[in-house]
Amino acid sequence: MTLLAVTRADIANYVDAVFLVYSLIIIAYIVVSLVLSLGARPPFSRAMDVVLTFLRDVSEPYLRIFRRFIPQVGGFDFSPILALIVLGLLRAIIHPLIAG
C-alpha cells in the first residue's frame, strides 16, 4: 500500500478549490433566482427541483448572515455581492497562510 504525500500546497489548493466551488454555487443560485423572479417558470421536473433545492439549501445559510445587516434597496438585494466579496477576501487570505 502506497501512501500519497500530502503537502501544504496540496491542502491549500484543495481549500482554494472549495472557496471557488462555493462562490460558483452562490452565483448559480443568484442567476436562477433572478430568472425565476422575472417570471420564467420551468415545467415541473424532479431533477430541476432537486437542483434548485440544493442551490437554495447550500447558499441561503451563508447569505442569511449578510441579509441581517444589509436591507433590500428598491427590491434589489445587495447581500450576495457582499457575501461574494467577503468569500473572495477570505480565499485570498487563507490560501497563502496554508501554503506557507
PDB file of N, CA and C in Angstrom:
ATOM      1  N   MET A   1       0.845  -1.180   0.000  1.00  0.00           N
ATOM      2  CA  MET A   1       0.000   0.000   0.000  1.00  0.00           C
ATOM      3  C   MET A   1       0.885   1.235   0.000  1.00  0.00           C
ATOM      4  N   THR A   2       0.588   2.147  -0.897  1.00  0.00           N
ATOM      5  CA  THR A   2       1.378   3.355  -1.044  1.00  0.00           C
ATOM      6  C   THR A   2       0.618   4.532  -0.448  1.00  0.00           C
ATOM      7  N   LEU A   3       1.316   5.296   0.364  1.00  0.00           N
ATOM      8  CA  LEU A   3       0.705   6.493   0.924  1.00  0.00           C
ATOM      9  C   LEU A   3       1.087   7.691   0.072  1.00  0.00           C
ATOM     10  N   LEU A   4       0.090   8.479  -0.246  1.00  0.00           N
ATOM     11  CA  LEU A   4       0.349   9.683  -1.030  1.00  0.00           C
ATOM     12  C   LEU A   4       0.839  10.783  -0.102  1.00  0.00           C
ATOM     13  N   ALA A   5       1.856  11.465  -0.515  1.00  0.00           N
ATOM     14  CA  ALA A   5       2.372  12.574   0.279  1.00  0.00           C
ATOM     15  C   ALA A   5       1.448  13.778   0.102  1.00  0.00           C
ATOM     16  N   VAL A   6       0.980  14.291   1.200  1.00  0.00           N
ATOM     17  CA  VAL A   6       0.107  15.461   1.156  1.00  0.00           C
ATOM     18  C   VAL A   6       0.919  16.639   1.686  1.00  0.00           C
ATOM     19  N   THR A   7       1.132  17.590   0.839  1.00  0.00           N
ATOM     20  CA  THR A   7       1.896  18.764   1.238  1.00  0.00           C
ATOM     21  C   THR A   7       0.961  19.900   1.595  1.00  0.00           C
ATOM     22  N   ARG A   8       1.548  20.924   2.159  1.00  0.00           N
ATOM     23  CA  ARG A   8       0.748  22.108   2.496  1.00  0.00           C
ATOM     24  C   ARG A   8       0.176  22.738   1.240  1.00  0.00           C
ATOM     25  N   ALA A   9       0.917  22.664   0.141  1.00  0.00           N
ATOM     26  CA  ALA A   9       0.429  23.230  -1.116  1.00  0.00           C
ATOM     27  C   ALA A   9      -0.794  22.466  -1.612  1.00  0.00           C
ATOM     28  N   ASP A  10      -0.809  21.134  -1.437  1.00  0.00           N
ATOM     29  CA  ASP A  10      -1.976  20.342  -1.830  1.00  0.00           C
ATOM     30  C   ASP A  10      -3.203  20.735  -1.015  1.00  0.00           C
ATOM     31  N   ILE A  11      -3.006  20.910   0.274  1.00  0.00           N
ATOM     32  CA  ILE A  11      -4.117  21.303   1.145  1.00  0.00           C
ATOM     33  C   ILE A  11      -4.588  22.709   0.790  1.00  0.00           C
ATOM     34  N   ALA A  12      -3.656  23.602   0.529  1.00  0.00           N
ATOM     35  CA  ALA A  12      -4.014  24.970   0.150  1.00  0.00           C
ATOM     36  C   ALA A  12      -4.789  24.986  -1.164  1.00  0.00           C
ATOM     37  N   ASN A  13      -4.377  24.170  -2.120  1.00  0.00           N
ATOM     38  CA  ASN A  13      -5.092  24.086  -3.394  1.00  0.00           C
ATOM     39  C   ASN A  13      -6.495  23.511  -3.206  1.00  0.00           C
ATOM     40  N   TYR A  14      -6.635  22.541  -2.307  1.00  0.00           N
ATOM     41  CA  TYR A  14      -7.949  21.973  -2.027  1.00  0.00           C
ATOM     42  C   TYR A  14      -8.866  23.030  -1.406  1.00  0.00           C
ATOM     43  N   VAL A  15      -8.359  23.763  -0.417  1.00  0.00           N
ATOM     44  CA  VAL A  15      -9.154  24.813   0.230  1.00  0.00           C
ATOM     45  C   VAL A  15      -9.518  25.894  -0.778  1.00  0.00           C
ATOM     46  N   ASP A  16      -8.590  26.244  -1.647  1.00  0.00           N
ATOM     47  CA  ASP A  16      -8.851  27.227  -2.692  1.00  0.00           C
ATOM     48  C   ASP A  16      -9.971  26.752  -3.617  1.00  0.00           C
ATOM     49  N   ALA A  17      -9.944  25.476  -3.965  1.00  0.00           N
ATOM     50  CA  ALA A  17     -10.989  24.914  -4.826  1.00  0.00           C
ATOM     51  C   ALA A  17     -12.348  24.922  -4.134  1.00  0.00           C
ATOM     52  N   VAL A  18     -12.365  24.667  -2.834  1.00  0.00           N
ATOM     53  CA  VAL A  18     -13.627  24.700  -2.085  1.00  0.00           C
ATOM     54  C   VAL A  18     -14.218  26.107  -2.119  1.00  0.00           C
ATOM     55  N   PHE A  19     -13.380  27.125  -1.902  1.00  0.00           N
ATOM     56  CA  PHE A  19     -13.859  28.513  -1.982  1.00  0.00           C
ATOM     57  C   PHE A  19     -14.398  28.826  -3.373  1.00  0.00           C
ATOM     58  N   LEU A  20     -13.693  28.387  -4.407  1.00  0.00           N
ATOM     59  CA  LEU A  20     -14.121  28.643  -5.779  1.00  0.00           C
ATOM     60  C   LEU A  20     -15.465  27.974  -6.079  1.00  0.00           C
ATOM     61  N   VAL A  21     -15.603  26.714  -5.697  1.00  0.00           N
ATOM     62  CA  VAL A  21     -16.850  25.983  -5.956  1.00  0.00           C
ATOM     63  C   VAL A  21     -18.010  26.628  -5.203  1.00  0.00           C
ATOM     64  N   TYR A  22     -17.775  27.027  -3.947  1.00  0.00           N
ATOM     65  CA  TYR A  22     -18.853  27.657  -3.177  1.00  0.00           C
ATOM     66  C   TYR A  22     -19.250  28.995  -3.806  1.00  0.00           C
ATOM     67  N   SER A  23     -18.270  29.748  -4.311  1.00  0.00           N
ATOM     68  CA  SER A  23     -18.585  31.004  -4.999  1.00  0.00           C
ATOM     69  C   SER A  23     -19.424  30.739  -6.250  1.00  0.00           C
ATOM     70  N   LEU A  24     -19.077  29.708  -6.992  1.00  0.00           N
ATOM     71  CA  LEU A  24     -19.846  29.369  -8.194  1.00  0.00           C
ATOM     72  C   LEU A  24     -21.260  28.915  -7.847  1.00  0.00           C
ATOM     73  N   ILE A  25     -21.420  28.206  -6.746  1.00  0.00           N
ATOM     74  CA  ILE A  25     -22.754  27.786  -6.311  1.00  0.00           C
ATOM     75  C   ILE A  25     -23.602  29.013  -5.962  1.00  0.00           C
ATOM     76  N   ILE A  26     -23.010  29.968  -5.271  1.00  0.00           N
ATOM     77  CA  ILE A  26     -23.749  31.187  -4.925  1.00  0.00           C
ATOM     78  C   ILE A  26     -24.128  31.960  -6.182  1.00  0.00           C
ATOM     79  N   ILE A  27     -23.218  32.056  -7.140  1.00  0.00           N
ATOM     80  CA  ILE A  27     -23.521  32.753  -8.393  1.00  0.00           C
ATOM     81  C   ILE A  27     -24.639  32.038  -9.146  1.00  0.00           C
ATOM     82  N   ALA A  28     -24.597  30.715  -9.189  1.00  0.00           N
ATOM     83  CA  ALA A  28     -25.663  29.954  -9.850  1.00  0.00           C
ATOM     84  C   ALA A  28     -27.000  30.187  -9.158  1.00  0.00           C
ATOM     85  N   TYR A  29     -26.996  30.230  -7.839  1.00  0.00           N
ATOM     86  CA  TYR A  29     -28.228  30.476  -7.083  1.00  0.00           C
ATOM     87  C   TYR A  29     -28.782  31.867  -7.393  1.00  0.00           C
ATOM     88  N   ILE A  30     -27.899  32.858  -7.477  1.00  0.00           N
ATOM     89  CA  ILE A  30     -28.328  34.224  -7.791  1.00  0.00           C
ATOM     90  C   ILE A  30     -28.949  34.276  -9.182  1.00  0.00           C
ATOM     91  N   VAL A  31     -28.298  33.661 -10.150  1.00  0.00           N
ATOM     92  CA  VAL A  31     -28.802  33.684 -11.533  1.00  0.00           C
ATOM     93  C   VAL A  31     -30.145  32.973 -11.628  1.00  0.00           C
ATOM     94  N   VAL A  32     -30.254  31.805 -11.010  1.00  0.00           N
ATOM     95  CA  VAL A  32     -31.511  31.052 -11.060  1.00  0.00           C
ATOM     96  C   VAL A  32     -32.622  31.827 -10.359  1.00  0.00           C
ATOM     97  N   SER A  33     -32.317  32.440  -9.214  1.00  0.00           N
ATOM     98  CA  SER A  33     -33.330  33.232  -8.503  1.00  0.00           C
ATOM     99  C   SER A  33     -33.774  34.417  -9.331  1.00  0.00           C
ATOM    100  N   LEU A  34     -32.830  35.054 -10.011  1.00  0.00           N
ATOM    101  CA  LEU A  34     -33.172  36.191 -10.854  1.00  0.00           C
ATOM    102  C   LEU A  34     -34.067  35.765 -12.014  1.00  0.00           C
ATOM    103  N   VAL A  35     -33.723  34.681 -12.668  1.00  0.00           N
ATOM    104  CA  VAL A  35     -34.522  34.189 -13.797  1.00  0.00           C
ATOM    105  C   VAL A  35     -35.929  33.807 -13.337  1.00  0.00           C
ATOM    106  N   LEU A  36     -36.019  33.141 -12.190  1.00  0.00           N
ATOM    107  CA  LEU A  36     -37.332  32.748 -11.674  1.00  0.00           C
ATOM    108  C   LEU A  36     -38.149  33.966 -11.237  1.00  0.00           C
ATOM    109  N   SER A  37     -37.472  34.985 -10.701  1.00  0.00           N
ATOM    110  CA  SER A  37     -38.211  36.175 -10.273  1.00  0.00           C
ATOM    111  C   SER A  37     -38.708  36.996 -11.465  1.00  0.00           C
ATOM    112  N   LEU A  38     -38.078  36.826 -12.620  1.00  0.00           N
ATOM    113  CA  LEU A  38     -38.531  37.521 -13.820  1.00  0.00           C
ATOM    114  C   LEU A  38     -39.692  36.809 -14.503  1.00  0.00           C
ATOM    115  N   GLY A  39     -40.106  35.682 -13.943  1.00  0.00           N
ATOM    116  CA  GLY A  39     -41.294  35.017 -14.449  1.00  0.00           C
ATOM    117  C   GLY A  39     -41.050  33.763 -15.262  1.00  0.00           C
ATOM    118  N   ALA A  40     -39.819  33.392 -15.472  1.00  0.00           N
ATOM    119  CA  ALA A  40     -39.537  32.163 -16.228  1.00  0.00           C
ATOM    120  C   ALA A  40     -39.724  30.964 -15.310  1.00  0.00           C
ATOM    121  N   ARG A  41     -40.749  30.221 -15.544  1.00  0.00           N
ATOM    122  CA  ARG A  41     -41.027  29.031 -14.731  1.00  0.00           C
ATOM    123  C   ARG A  41     -40.815  27.789 -15.582  1.00  0.00           C
ATOM    124  N   PRO A  42     -39.835  26.986 -15.220  1.00  0.00           N
ATOM    125  CA  PRO A  42     -39.631  25.746 -15.979  1.00  0.00           C
ATOM    126  C   PRO A  42     -40.752  24.760 -15.666  1.00  0.00           C
ATOM    127  N   PRO A  43     -41.063  23.879 -16.591  1.00  0.00           N
ATOM    128  CA  PRO A  43     -42.056  22.854 -16.278  1.00  0.00           C
ATOM    129  C   PRO A  43     -41.536  21.993 -15.141  1.00  0.00           C
ATOM    130  N   PHE A  44     -42.464  21.477 -14.337  1.00  0.00           N
ATOM    131  CA  PHE A  44     -42.034  20.710 -13.173  1.00  0.00           C
ATOM    132  C   PHE A  44     -41.213  19.508 -13.606  1.00  0.00           C
ATOM    133  N   SER A  45     -40.100  19.391 -12.973  1.00  0.00           N
ATOM    134  CA  SER A  45     -39.197  18.280 -13.228  1.00  0.00           C
ATOM    135  C   SER A  45     -38.557  17.934 -11.893  1.00  0.00           C
ATOM    136  N   ARG A  46     -38.519  16.685 -11.575  1.00  0.00           N
ATOM    137  CA  ARG A  46     -37.917  16.259 -10.303  1.00  0.00           C
ATOM    138  C   ARG A  46     -36.441  16.651 -10.255  1.00  0.00           C
ATOM    139  N   ALA A  47     -35.734  16.500 -11.363  1.00  0.00           N
ATOM    140  CA  ALA A  47     -34.317  16.847 -11.402  1.00  0.00           C
ATOM    141  C   ALA A  47     -34.122  18.345 -11.178  1.00  0.00           C
ATOM    142  N   MET A  48     -34.951  19.168 -11.812  1.00  0.00           N
ATOM    143  CA  MET A  48     -34.841  20.617 -11.651  1.00  0.00           C
ATOM    144  C   MET A  48     -35.148  21.018 -10.212  1.00  0.00           C
ATOM    145  N   ASP A  49     -36.145  20.385  -9.622  1.00  0.00           N
ATOM    146  CA  ASP A  49     -36.493  20.672  -8.237  1.00  0.00           C
ATOM    147  C   ASP A  49     -35.340  20.317  -7.302  1.00  0.00           C
ATOM    148  N   VAL A  50     -34.673  19.208  -7.559  1.00  0.00           N
ATOM    149  CA  VAL A  50     -33.535  18.794  -6.729  1.00  0.00           C
ATOM    150  C   VAL A  50     -32.397  19.805  -6.849  1.00  0.00           C
ATOM    151  N   VAL A  51     -32.116  20.270  -8.052  1.00  0.00           N
ATOM    152  CA  VAL A  51     -31.040  21.239  -8.268  1.00  0.00           C
ATOM    153  C   VAL A  51     -31.367  22.560  -7.574  1.00  0.00           C
ATOM    154  N   LEU A  52     -32.587  23.051  -7.743  1.00  0.00           N
ATOM    155  CA  LEU A  52     -32.980  24.308  -7.113  1.00  0.00           C
ATOM    156  C   LEU A  52     -32.950  24.205  -5.591  1.00  0.00           C
ATOM    157  N   THR A  53     -33.403  23.091  -5.057  1.00  0.00           N
ATOM    158  CA  THR A  53     -33.378  22.881  -3.614  1.00  0.00           C
ATOM    159  C   THR A  53     -31.945  22.824  -3.109  1.00  0.00           C
ATOM    160  N   PHE A  54     -31.070  22.144  -3.839  1.00  0.00           N
ATOM    161  CA  PHE A  54     -29.667  22.072  -3.453  1.00  0.00           C
ATOM    162  C   PHE A  54     -29.039  23.466  -3.425  1.00  0.00           C
ATOM    163  N   LEU A  55     -29.245  24.244  -4.479  1.00  0.00           N
ATOM    164  CA  LEU A  55     -28.678  25.586  -4.540  1.00  0.00           C
ATOM    165  C   LEU A  55     -29.178  26.447  -3.380  1.00  0.00           C
ATOM    166  N   ARG A  56     -30.465  26.369  -3.092  1.00  0.00           N
ATOM    167  CA  ARG A  56     -31.041  27.154  -2.000  1.00  0.00           C
ATOM    168  C   ARG A  56     -30.491  26.706  -0.651  1.00  0.00           C
ATOM    169  N   ASP A  57     -30.465  25.389  -0.411  1.00  0.00           N
ATOM    170  CA  ASP A  57     -30.026  24.871   0.884  1.00  0.00           C
ATOM    171  C   ASP A  57     -28.549  25.131   1.152  1.00  0.00           C
ATOM    172  N   VAL A  58     -27.747  25.190   0.118  1.00  0.00           N
ATOM    173  CA  VAL A  58     -26.311  25.420   0.296  1.00  0.00           C
ATOM    174  C   VAL A  58     -26.000  26.911   0.397  1.00  0.00           C
ATOM    175  N   SER A  59     -26.707  27.753  -0.339  1.00  0.00           N
ATOM    176  CA  SER A  59     -26.394  29.181  -0.400  1.00  0.00           C
ATOM    177  C   SER A  59     -27.045  30.001   0.702  1.00  0.00           C
ATOM    178  N   GLU A  60     -28.273  29.705   1.030  1.00  0.00           N
ATOM    179  CA  GLU A  60     -29.038  30.546   1.949  1.00  0.00           C
ATOM    180  C   GLU A  60     -28.420  30.711   3.336  1.00  0.00           C
ATOM    181  N   PRO A  61     -27.882  29.682   3.981  1.00  0.00           N
ATOM    182  CA  PRO A  61     -27.320  29.920   5.324  1.00  0.00           C
ATOM    183  C   PRO A  61     -26.212  30.977   5.330  1.00  0.00           C
ATOM    184  N   TYR A  62     -25.355  30.959   4.333  1.00  0.00           N
ATOM    185  CA  TYR A  62     -24.274  31.956   4.255  1.00  0.00           C
ATOM    186  C   TYR A  62     -24.831  33.331   3.885  1.00  0.00           C
ATOM    187  N   LEU A  63     -25.750  33.374   2.937  1.00  0.00           N
ATOM    188  CA  LEU A  63     -26.320  34.658   2.517  1.00  0.00           C
ATOM    189  C   LEU A  63     -27.164  35.287   3.619  1.00  0.00           C
ATOM    190  N   ARG A  64     -27.795  34.467   4.440  1.00  0.00           N
ATOM    191  CA  ARG A  64     -28.643  34.967   5.522  1.00  0.00           C
ATOM    192  C   ARG A  64     -27.841  35.804   6.523  1.00  0.00           C
ATOM    193  N   ILE A  65     -26.558  35.481   6.696  1.00  0.00           N
ATOM    194  CA  ILE A  65     -25.696  36.252   7.595  1.00  0.00           C
ATOM    195  C   ILE A  65     -25.643  37.705   7.123  1.00  0.00           C
ATOM    196  N   PHE A  66     -25.503  37.917   5.839  1.00  0.00           N
ATOM    197  CA  PHE A  66     -25.373  39.264   5.291  1.00  0.00           C
ATOM    198  C   PHE A  66     -26.722  39.956   5.161  1.00  0.00           C
ATOM    199  N   ARG A  67     -27.780  39.204   5.001  1.00  0.00           N
ATOM    200  CA  ARG A  67     -29.116  39.809   4.887  1.00  0.00           C
ATOM    201  C   ARG A  67     -29.563  40.423   6.205  1.00  0.00           C
ATOM    202  N   ARG A  68     -28.986  39.979   7.320  1.00  0.00           N
ATOM    203  CA  ARG A  68     -29.321  40.578   8.608  1.00  0.00           C
ATOM    204  C   ARG A  68     -28.812  42.007   8.701  1.00  0.00           C
ATOM    205  N   PHE A  69     -27.710  42.302   8.017  1.00  0.00           N
ATOM    206  CA  PHE A  69     -27.077  43.609   8.129  1.00  0.00           C
ATOM    207  C   PHE A  69     -27.383  44.540   6.964  1.00  0.00           C
ATOM    208  N   ILE A  70     -27.718  43.984   5.808  1.00  0.00           N
ATOM    209  CA  ILE A  70     -27.940  44.803   4.612  1.00  0.00           C
ATOM    210  C   ILE A  70     -29.397  44.665   4.171  1.00  0.00           C
ATOM    211  N   PRO A  71     -30.177  45.739   4.308  1.00  0.00           N
ATOM    212  CA  PRO A  71     -31.572  45.652   3.852  1.00  0.00           C
ATOM    213  C   PRO A  71     -31.654  45.744   2.328  1.00  0.00           C
ATOM    214  N   GLN A  72     -32.779  45.303   1.796  1.00  0.00           N
ATOM    215  CA  GLN A  72     -33.003  45.424   0.357  1.00  0.00           C
ATOM    216  C   GLN A  72     -33.247  46.894   0.020  1.00  0.00           C
ATOM    217  N   VAL A  73     -32.694  47.314  -1.103  1.00  0.00           N
ATOM    218  CA  VAL A  73     -32.858  48.698  -1.547  1.00  0.00           C
ATOM    219  C   VAL A  73     -33.615  48.666  -2.863  1.00  0.00           C
ATOM    220  N   GLY A  74     -34.829  49.164  -2.840  1.00  0.00           N
ATOM    221  CA  GLY A  74     -35.632  49.212  -4.054  1.00  0.00           C
ATOM    222  C   GLY A  74     -35.912  47.837  -4.631  1.00  0.00           C
ATOM    223  N   GLY A  75     -36.031  46.838  -3.777  1.00  0.00           N
ATOM    224  CA  GLY A  75     -36.298  45.480  -4.245  1.00  0.00           C
ATOM    225  C   GLY A  75     -35.056  44.736  -4.711  1.00  0.00           C
ATOM    226  N   PHE A  76     -33.890  45.362  -4.597  1.00  0.00           N
ATOM    227  CA  PHE A  76     -32.649  44.706  -5.006  1.00  0.00           C
ATOM    228  C   PHE A  76     -31.872  44.302  -3.762  1.00  0.00           C
ATOM    229  N   ASP A  77     -31.402  43.073  -3.754  1.00  0.00           N
ATOM    230  CA  ASP A  77     -30.690  42.512  -2.614  1.00  0.00           C
ATOM    231  C   ASP A  77     -29.186  42.580  -2.882  1.00  0.00           C
ATOM    232  N   PHE A  78     -28.487  43.405  -2.109  1.00  0.00           N
ATOM    233  CA  PHE A  78     -27.043  43.566  -2.273  1.00  0.00           C
ATOM    234  C   PHE A  78     -26.239  42.566  -1.450  1.00  0.00           C
ATOM    235  N   SER A  79     -26.895  41.786  -0.606  1.00  0.00           N
ATOM    236  CA  SER A  79     -26.161  40.870   0.271  1.00  0.00           C
ATOM    237  C   SER A  79     -25.342  39.820  -0.484  1.00  0.00           C
ATOM    238  N   PRO A  80     -25.802  39.263  -1.619  1.00  0.00           N
ATOM    239  CA  PRO A  80     -24.935  38.306  -2.320  1.00  0.00           C
ATOM    240  C   PRO A  80     -23.645  38.920  -2.837  1.00  0.00           C
ATOM    241  N   ILE A  81     -23.688  40.188  -3.209  1.00  0.00           N
ATOM    242  CA  ILE A  81     -22.474  40.846  -3.685  1.00  0.00           C
ATOM    243  C   ILE A  81     -21.460  40.942  -2.554  1.00  0.00           C
ATOM    244  N   LEU A  82     -21.916  41.398  -1.394  1.00  0.00           N
ATOM    245  CA  LEU A  82     -21.028  41.493  -0.243  1.00  0.00           C
ATOM    246  C   LEU A  82     -20.549  40.108   0.192  1.00  0.00           C
ATOM    247  N   ALA A  83     -21.436  39.123   0.135  1.00  0.00           N
ATOM    248  CA  ALA A  83     -21.060  37.763   0.514  1.00  0.00           C
ATOM    249  C   ALA A  83     -19.964  37.224  -0.396  1.00  0.00           C
ATOM    250  N   LEU A  84     -20.051  37.484  -1.687  1.00  0.00           N
ATOM    251  CA  LEU A  84     -19.017  37.035  -2.621  1.00  0.00           C
ATOM    252  C   LEU A  84     -17.706  37.796  -2.410  1.00  0.00           C
ATOM    253  N   ILE A  85     -17.784  39.070  -2.082  1.00  0.00           N
ATOM    254  CA  ILE A  85     -16.573  39.842  -1.807  1.00  0.00           C
ATOM    255  C   ILE A  85     -15.870  39.301  -0.565  1.00  0.00           C
ATOM    256  N   VAL A  86     -16.628  39.046   0.485  1.00  0.00           N
ATOM    257  CA  VAL A  86     -16.047  38.501   1.716  1.00  0.00           C
ATOM    258  C   VAL A  86     -15.451  37.122   1.454  1.00  0.00           C
ATOM    259  N   LEU A  87     -16.145  36.305   0.691  1.00  0.00           N
ATOM    260  CA  LEU A  87     -15.626  34.975   0.359  1.00  0.00           C
ATOM    261  C   LEU A  87     -14.321  35.090  -0.428  1.00  0.00           C
ATOM    262  N   GLY A  88     -14.254  36.020  -1.356  1.00  0.00           N
ATOM    263  CA  GLY A  88     -13.023  36.236  -2.119  1.00  0.00           C
ATOM    264  C   GLY A  88     -11.878  36.723  -1.243  1.00  0.00           C
ATOM    265  N   LEU A  89     -12.189  37.619  -0.298  1.00  0.00           N
ATOM    266  CA  LEU A  89     -11.156  38.096   0.621  1.00  0.00           C
ATOM    267  C   LEU A  89     -10.644  36.975   1.517  1.00  0.00           C
ATOM    268  N   LEU A  90     -11.562  36.169   2.026  1.00  0.00           N
ATOM    269  CA  LEU A  90     -11.145  35.021   2.848  1.00  0.00           C
ATOM    270  C   LEU A  90     -10.277  34.058   2.054  1.00  0.00           C
ATOM    271  N   ARG A  91     -10.654  33.838   0.810  1.00  0.00           N
ATOM    272  CA  ARG A  91      -9.868  32.953  -0.065  1.00  0.00           C
ATOM    273  C   ARG A  91      -8.472  33.519  -0.262  1.00  0.00           C
ATOM    274  N   ALA A  92      -8.369  34.840  -0.483  1.00  0.00           N
ATOM    275  CA  ALA A  92      -7.073  35.470  -0.703  1.00  0.00           C
ATOM    276  C   ALA A  92      -6.209  35.484   0.556  1.00  0.00           C
ATOM    277  N   ILE A  93      -6.828  35.470   1.725  1.00  0.00           N
ATOM    278  CA  ILE A  93      -6.072  35.466   2.975  1.00  0.00           C
ATOM    279  C   ILE A  93      -5.676  34.051   3.389  1.00  0.00           C
ATOM    280  N   ILE A  94      -6.609  33.118   3.302  1.00  0.00           N
ATOM    281  CA  ILE A  94      -6.381  31.768   3.818  1.00  0.00           C
ATOM    282  C   ILE A  94      -5.438  30.961   2.939  1.00  0.00           C
ATOM    283  N   HIS A  95      -5.553  31.068   1.629  1.00  0.00           N
ATOM    284  CA  HIS A  95      -4.705  30.268   0.736  1.00  0.00           C
ATOM    285  C   HIS A  95      -3.224  30.489   0.994  1.00  0.00           C
ATOM    286  N   PRO A  96      -2.735  31.743   1.029  1.00  0.00           N
ATOM    287  CA  PRO A  96      -1.296  31.932   1.302  1.00  0.00           C
ATOM    288  C   PRO A  96      -0.884  31.493   2.704  1.00  0.00           C
ATOM    289  N   LEU A  97      -1.784  31.629   3.678  1.00  0.00           N
ATOM    290  CA  LEU A  97      -1.446  31.194   5.036  1.00  0.00           C
ATOM    291  C   LEU A  97      -1.209  29.684   5.097  1.00  0.00           C
ATOM    292  N   ILE A  98      -2.034  28.932   4.385  1.00  0.00           N
ATOM    293  CA  ILE A  98      -1.897  27.487   4.405  1.00  0.00           C
ATOM    294  C   ILE A  98      -0.703  27.061   3.567  1.00  0.00           C
ATOM    295  N   ALA A  99      -0.530  27.700   2.418  1.00  0.00           N
ATOM    296  CA  ALA A  99       0.552  27.313   1.506  1.00  0.00           C
ATOM    297  C   ALA A  99       1.926  27.591   2.096  1.00  0.00           C
ATOM    298  N   GLY A 100       1.971  28.581   2.970  1.00  0.00           N
ATOM    299  CA  GLY A 100       3.237  28.865   3.649  1.00  0.00           C
ATOM    300  C   GLY A 100       4.116  29.705   2.902  1.00  0.00           C
TER     301      GLY A 100
END
